[in-house]
C-alpha atoms as a PDB file:
ATOM      1  CA  UNK A   1       0.000   0.000   0.000  1.00  0.00           C
ATOM      2  CA  UNK A   2       1.355   3.414  -0.947  1.00  0.00           C
ATOM      3  CA  UNK A   3       0.591   6.626   0.891  1.00  0.00           C
ATOM      4  CA  UNK A   4       1.528  10.281   0.670  1.00  0.00           C
ATOM      5  CA  UNK A   5       2.131  12.858   3.408  1.00  0.00           C
ATOM      6  CA  UNK A   6       3.074  16.542   3.378  1.00  0.00           C
ATOM      7  CA  UNK A   7       4.991  18.324   6.095  1.00  0.00           C
ATOM      8  CA  UNK A   8       8.151  20.162   7.075  1.00  0.00           C
ATOM      9  CA  UNK A   9      11.443  18.339   7.591  1.00  0.00           C
ATOM     10  CA  UNK A  10      12.216  18.498  11.313  1.00  0.00           C
ATOM     11  CA  UNK A  11      15.291  16.257  11.480  1.00  0.00           C
ATOM     12  CA  UNK A  12      17.506  14.249   9.130  1.00  0.00           C
ATOM     13  CA  UNK A  13      19.584  11.454  10.645  1.00  0.00           C
ATOM     14  CA  UNK A  14      22.865  10.195   9.236  1.00  0.00           C
ATOM     15  CA  UNK A  15      22.889   7.013   7.197  1.00  0.00           C
ATOM     16  CA  UNK A  16      23.072   3.837   9.296  1.00  0.00           C
ATOM     17  CA  UNK A  17      24.752   0.661   8.012  1.00  0.00           C
ATOM     18  CA  UNK A  18      22.476  -2.020   9.535  1.00  0.00           C
ATOM     19  CA  UNK A  19      24.278  -5.001   7.985  1.00  0.00           C
ATOM     20  CA  UNK A  20      27.043  -5.348   5.430  1.00  0.00           C
ATOM     21  CA  UNK A  21      24.466  -5.176   2.626  1.00  0.00           C
ATOM     22  CA  UNK A  22      21.656  -3.124   4.154  1.00  0.00           C
ATOM     23  CA  UNK A  23      21.573   0.591   5.067  1.00  0.00           C
ATOM     24  CA  UNK A  24      18.851   2.981   6.238  1.00  0.00           C
ATOM     25  CA  UNK A  25      18.370   6.701   6.803  1.00  0.00           C
ATOM     26  CA  UNK A  26      15.644   8.102   9.041  1.00  0.00           C
ATOM     27  CA  UNK A  27      14.072  11.536   8.975  1.00  0.00           C
ATOM     28  CA  UNK A  28      11.331  13.229  10.955  1.00  0.00           C
ATOM     29  CA  UNK A  29       8.492  15.102   9.303  1.00  0.00           C
ATOM     30  CA  UNK A  30       6.546  17.739  11.253  1.00  0.00           C
ATOM     31  CA  UNK A  31       2.874  17.649  10.234  1.00  0.00           C
ATOM     32  CA  UNK A  32       0.989  20.611  11.647  1.00  0.00           C
ATOM     33  CA  UNK A  33      -2.570  20.223  12.889  1.00  0.00           C
ATOM     34  CA  UNK A  34      -3.972  23.587  11.818  1.00  0.00           C
ATOM     35  CA  UNK A  35      -7.106  23.324  13.978  1.00  0.00           C
ATOM     36  CA  UNK A  36      -5.240  22.296  17.118  1.00  0.00           C
ATOM     37  CA  UNK A  37      -1.474  23.002  16.853  1.00  0.00           C
ATOM     38  CA  UNK A  38      -0.817  21.365  20.218  1.00  0.00           C
ATOM     39  CA  UNK A  39      -1.768  18.040  18.556  1.00  0.00           C
ATOM     40  CA  UNK A  40       0.634  18.357  15.620  1.00  0.00           C
ATOM     41  CA  UNK A  41       2.581  15.217  14.706  1.00  0.00           C
ATOM     42  CA  UNK A  42       6.240  14.278  14.336  1.00  0.00           C
ATOM     43  CA  UNK A  43       6.356  11.323  11.956  1.00  0.00           C
ATOM     44  CA  UNK A  44       9.502   9.216  11.531  1.00  0.00           C
ATOM     45  CA  UNK A  45       9.997   7.828   8.045  1.00  0.00           C
ATOM     46  CA  UNK A  46      12.837   5.764   6.668  1.00  0.00           C
ATOM     47  CA  UNK A  47      14.666   5.478   3.358  1.00  0.00           C
ATOM     48  CA  UNK A  48      16.639   2.306   2.718  1.00  0.00           C
ATOM     49  CA  UNK A  49      19.312   1.142   0.308  1.00  0.00           C
ATOM     50  CA  UNK A  50      19.605   3.260  -2.870  1.00  0.00           C
ATOM     51  CA  UNK A  51      16.885   5.639  -1.661  1.00  0.00           C
ATOM     52  CA  UNK A  52      19.028   6.925   1.253  1.00  0.00           C
ATOM     53  CA  UNK A  53      20.764   9.388  -1.075  1.00  0.00           C
ATOM     54  CA  UNK A  54      17.460  11.119  -1.909  1.00  0.00           C
ATOM     55  CA  UNK A  55      17.746  13.091   1.345  1.00  0.00           C
ATOM     56  CA  UNK A  56      21.076  14.661   0.347  1.00  0.00           C
ATOM     57  CA  UNK A  57      19.421  17.594  -1.458  1.00  0.00           C
ATOM     58  CA  UNK A  58      17.036  18.428   1.405  1.00  0.00           C
ATOM     59  CA  UNK A  59      17.492  20.420   4.608  1.00  0.00           C
ATOM     60  CA  UNK A  60      15.689  20.837   7.904  1.00  0.00           C
ATOM     61  CA  UNK A  61      12.834  23.330   7.574  1.00  0.00           C
ATOM     62  CA  UNK A  62      11.917  22.551   3.973  1.00  0.00           C
ATOM     63  CA  UNK A  63       8.332  21.669   3.060  1.00  0.00           C
ATOM     64  CA  UNK A  64       8.069  18.341   1.281  1.00  0.00           C
ATOM     65  CA  UNK A  65       5.715  15.639   0.117  1.00  0.00           C
ATOM     66  CA  UNK A  66       6.795  12.074   0.807  1.00  0.00           C
ATOM     67  CA  UNK A  67       5.530   8.896  -0.868  1.00  0.00           C
ATOM     68  CA  UNK A  68       5.861   5.834   1.332  1.00  0.00           C
ATOM     69  CA  UNK A  69       4.689   2.288   2.030  1.00  0.00           C
ATOM     70  CA  UNK A  70       3.633   0.879   5.395  1.00  0.00           C
ATOM     71  CA  UNK A  71       5.589  -2.257   6.248  1.00  0.00           C
ATOM     72  CA  UNK A  72       5.136  -4.522   9.252  1.00  0.00           C
ATOM     73  CA  UNK A  73       7.275  -7.331  10.608  1.00  0.00           C
ATOM     74  CA  UNK A  74       6.795 -10.070  13.163  1.00  0.00           C
ATOM     75  CA  UNK A  75       9.658 -11.428  15.213  1.00  0.00           C
ATOM     76  CA  UNK A  76      10.142 -13.683  18.200  1.00  0.00           C
ATOM     77  CA  UNK A  77      12.637 -13.047  20.974  1.00  0.00           C
ATOM     78  CA  UNK A  78      12.985 -15.100  24.169  1.00  0.00           C
ATOM     79  CA  UNK A  79       9.721 -16.875  23.389  1.00  0.00           C
ATOM     80  CA  UNK A  80       7.790 -13.607  23.076  1.00  0.00           C
ATOM     81  CA  UNK A  81       6.249 -12.586  19.762  1.00  0.00           C
ATOM     82  CA  UNK A  82       6.553  -8.893  18.880  1.00  0.00           C
ATOM     83  CA  UNK A  83       5.589  -6.714  15.930  1.00  0.00           C
ATOM     84  CA  UNK A  84       6.882  -3.439  14.518  1.00  0.00           C
ATOM     85  CA  UNK A  85       5.976  -1.113  11.673  1.00  0.00           C
ATOM     86  CA  UNK A  86       8.105   0.981   9.344  1.00  0.00           C
ATOM     87  CA  UNK A  87       7.050   3.876   7.134  1.00  0.00           C
ATOM     88  CA  UNK A  88       9.279   3.048   4.190  1.00  0.00           C
ATOM     89  CA  UNK A  89       9.764   6.153   2.014  1.00  0.00           C
ATOM     90  CA  UNK A  90      10.596   5.854  -1.672  1.00  0.00           C
ATOM     91  CA  UNK A  91      10.080   9.392  -3.033  1.00  0.00           C
ATOM     92  CA  UNK A  92      10.452  12.942  -1.677  1.00  0.00           C
ATOM     93  CA  UNK A  93       9.692  16.238  -3.419  1.00  0.00           C
ATOM     94  CA  UNK A  94       9.727  19.934  -2.542  1.00  0.00           C
ATOM     95  CA  UNK A  95       6.289  21.437  -1.899  1.00  0.00           C
ATOM     96  CA  UNK A  96       5.488  25.087  -2.431  1.00  0.00           C
ATOM     97  CA  UNK A  97       3.813  26.836   0.493  1.00  0.00           C
ATOM     98  CA  UNK A  98       2.978  30.361  -0.616  1.00  0.00           C
ATOM     99  CA  UNK A  99       6.293  31.649  -1.888  1.00  0.00           C
ATOM    100  CA  UNK A 100       8.731  29.058  -0.593  1.00  0.00           C
ATOM    101  CA  UNK A 101      12.310  30.229  -1.258  1.00  0.00           C
ATOM    102  CA  UNK A 102      13.565  26.646  -0.835  1.00  0.00           C
ATOM    103  CA  UNK A 103      11.717  25.361  -3.893  1.00  0.00           C
ATOM    104  CA  UNK A 104      13.687  25.349  -7.112  1.00  0.00           C
ATOM    105  CA  UNK A 105      12.287  27.945  -9.488  1.00  0.00           C
ATOM    106  CA  UNK A 106      10.417  26.702 -12.522  1.00  0.00           C
ATOM    107  CA  UNK A 107      11.221  28.403 -15.812  1.00  0.00           C
ATOM    108  CA  UNK A 108       8.513  30.846 -16.789  1.00  0.00           C
ATOM    109  CA  UNK A 109       6.532  29.920 -19.839  1.00  0.00           C
ATOM    110  CA  UNK A 110       6.775  32.294 -22.753  1.00  0.00           C
ATOM    111  CA  UNK A 111       3.530  33.466 -24.343  1.00  0.00           C
ATOM    112  CA  UNK A 112       2.769  31.753 -27.643  1.00  0.00           C
ATOM    113  CA  UNK A 113       4.066  33.608 -30.720  1.00  0.00           C
ATOM    114  CA  UNK A 114       1.630  35.892 -32.485  1.00  0.00           C
ATOM    115  CA  UNK A 115       0.716  34.439 -35.834  1.00  0.00           C
ATOM    116  CA  UNK A 116       0.188  37.081 -38.468  1.00  0.00           C
ATOM    117  CA  UNK A 117      -1.611  36.680 -41.762  1.00  0.00           C
ATOM    118  CA  UNK A 118       0.790  39.153 -43.392  1.00  0.00           C
ATOM    119  CA  UNK A 119      -1.639  42.104 -43.244  1.00  0.00           C
ATOM    120  CA  UNK A 120      -0.268  45.015 -41.289  1.00  0.00           C
ATOM    121  CA  UNK A 121      -2.734  46.562 -38.862  1.00  0.00           C
ATOM    122  CA  UNK A 122      -2.481  50.332 -38.310  1.00  0.00           C
ATOM    123  CA  UNK A 123      -5.055  50.582 -35.534  1.00  0.00           C
ATOM    124  CA  UNK A 124      -3.866  52.756 -32.614  1.00  0.00           C
ATOM    125  CA  UNK A 125      -4.835  50.156 -30.013  1.00  0.00           C
END
């Protein structure tokens, strides 16, 4: 299942080498509750493997949209069964909020060329 969430980057953790062949990178997204700011959320998401490098072009304080999957695992330790979930991110993009100076500027579109039928118009307006 894929989901999407928008928020402001609150924290970016360094890359963590979990095993010889597996690495992760966590980040925290601040999601403001506009109706009740005291109930705003701090959501931890995780990039893994080749996706870890996607965070290199982002900084704390930038507004982003993140695409992610919800993953859950079951494990047993000392005879006790436990479960955990991971919000596994796979895409991150800048999001414009008003005039966000952090967003790369898009080139302005030029107006289409005026097509003339060869007749010169001498109207003053």
